[in-house]
Amino acid sequence: MQYIQHLGPVAALIAGVLILIMPKLLNYIIALYLIITGLAGLLGR
């Protein structure tokens, strides 16, 4: 489960690059991040 700890920083890096390339994706990236974070919290992670 070591790779799960690296998932957050890697996802942030990818999201940052995508926002720089296509700023209109910002709303979708934030929404997906909040949904995934919320689900992870509800599932006990």
C-alpha atoms as a PDB file:
ATOM      1  CA  MET A   1       0.000   0.000   0.000  1.00  0.00           C
ATOM      2  CA  GLN A   2       3.034   2.263  -0.301  1.00  0.00           C
ATOM      3  CA  TYR A   3       1.847   3.608  -3.658  1.00  0.00           C
ATOM      4  CA  ILE A   4      -1.357   5.032  -2.120  1.00  0.00           C
ATOM      5  CA  GLN A   5       0.682   7.541  -0.113  1.00  0.00           C
ATOM      6  CA  HIS A   6       2.141   8.920  -3.333  1.00  0.00           C
ATOM      7  CA  LEU A   7      -1.245   9.222  -5.006  1.00  0.00           C
ATOM      8  CA  GLY A   8      -2.075  12.669  -3.573  1.00  0.00           C
ATOM      9  CA  PRO A   9       1.089  14.485  -4.685  1.00  0.00           C
ATOM     10  CA  VAL A  10       1.023  12.821  -8.102  1.00  0.00           C
ATOM     11  CA  ALA A  11      -2.636  13.757  -8.588  1.00  0.00           C
ATOM     12  CA  ALA A  12      -1.876  17.338  -7.531  1.00  0.00           C
ATOM     13  CA  LEU A  13       1.002  17.549  -9.995  1.00  0.00           C
ATOM     14  CA  ILE A  14      -1.099  16.219 -12.866  1.00  0.00           C
ATOM     15  CA  ALA A  15      -3.986  18.527 -11.969  1.00  0.00           C
ATOM     16  CA  GLY A  16      -1.646  21.532 -11.852  1.00  0.00           C
ATOM     17  CA  VAL A  17      -0.250  20.775 -15.290  1.00  0.00           C
ATOM     18  CA  LEU A  18      -3.730  20.272 -16.734  1.00  0.00           C
ATOM     19  CA  ILE A  19      -4.909  23.574 -15.244  1.00  0.00           C
ATOM     20  CA  LEU A  20      -1.931  25.356 -16.808  1.00  0.00           C
ATOM     21  CA  ILE A  21      -2.661  23.796 -20.207  1.00  0.00           C
ATOM     22  CA  MET A  22      -6.460  24.146 -20.099  1.00  0.00           C
ATOM     23  CA  PRO A  23      -7.699  26.606 -17.430  1.00  0.00           C
ATOM     24  CA  LYS A  24     -11.344  25.702 -18.138  1.00  0.00           C
ATOM     25  CA  LEU A  25     -10.700  22.297 -16.539  1.00  0.00           C
ATOM     26  CA  LEU A  26     -10.225  23.914 -13.127  1.00  0.00           C
ATOM     27  CA  ASN A  27     -13.858  23.467 -12.059  1.00  0.00           C
ATOM     28  CA  TYR A  28     -13.946  19.808 -13.103  1.00  0.00           C
ATOM     29  CA  ILE A  29     -10.624  18.995 -11.453  1.00  0.00           C
ATOM     30  CA  ILE A  30     -11.676  20.608  -8.165  1.00  0.00           C
ATOM     31  CA  ALA A  31     -15.053  18.850  -8.281  1.00  0.00           C
ATOM     32  CA  LEU A  32     -13.443  15.451  -8.891  1.00  0.00           C
ATOM     33  CA  TYR A  33     -10.916  16.040  -6.119  1.00  0.00           C
ATOM     34  CA  LEU A  34     -13.644  16.941  -3.638  1.00  0.00           C
ATOM     35  CA  ILE A  35     -15.766  13.932  -4.613  1.00  0.00           C
ATOM     36  CA  ILE A  36     -12.841  11.512  -4.323  1.00  0.00           C
ATOM     37  CA  THR A  37     -11.722  13.022  -1.017  1.00  0.00           C
ATOM     38  CA  GLY A  38     -15.259  12.842   0.352  1.00  0.00           C
ATOM     39  CA  LEU A  39     -15.707   9.228  -0.704  1.00  0.00           C
ATOM     40  CA  ALA A  40     -12.353   8.264   0.779  1.00  0.00           C
ATOM     41  CA  GLY A  41     -13.367   9.918   4.053  1.00  0.00           C
ATOM     42  CA  LEU A  42     -16.713   8.171   4.144  1.00  0.00           C
ATOM     43  CA  LEU A  43     -15.152   4.791   3.398  1.00  0.00           C
ATOM     44  CA  GLY A  44     -12.818   5.105   6.379  1.00  0.00           C
ATOM     45  CA  ARG A  45      -9.484   5.952   4.790  1.00  0.00           C
END
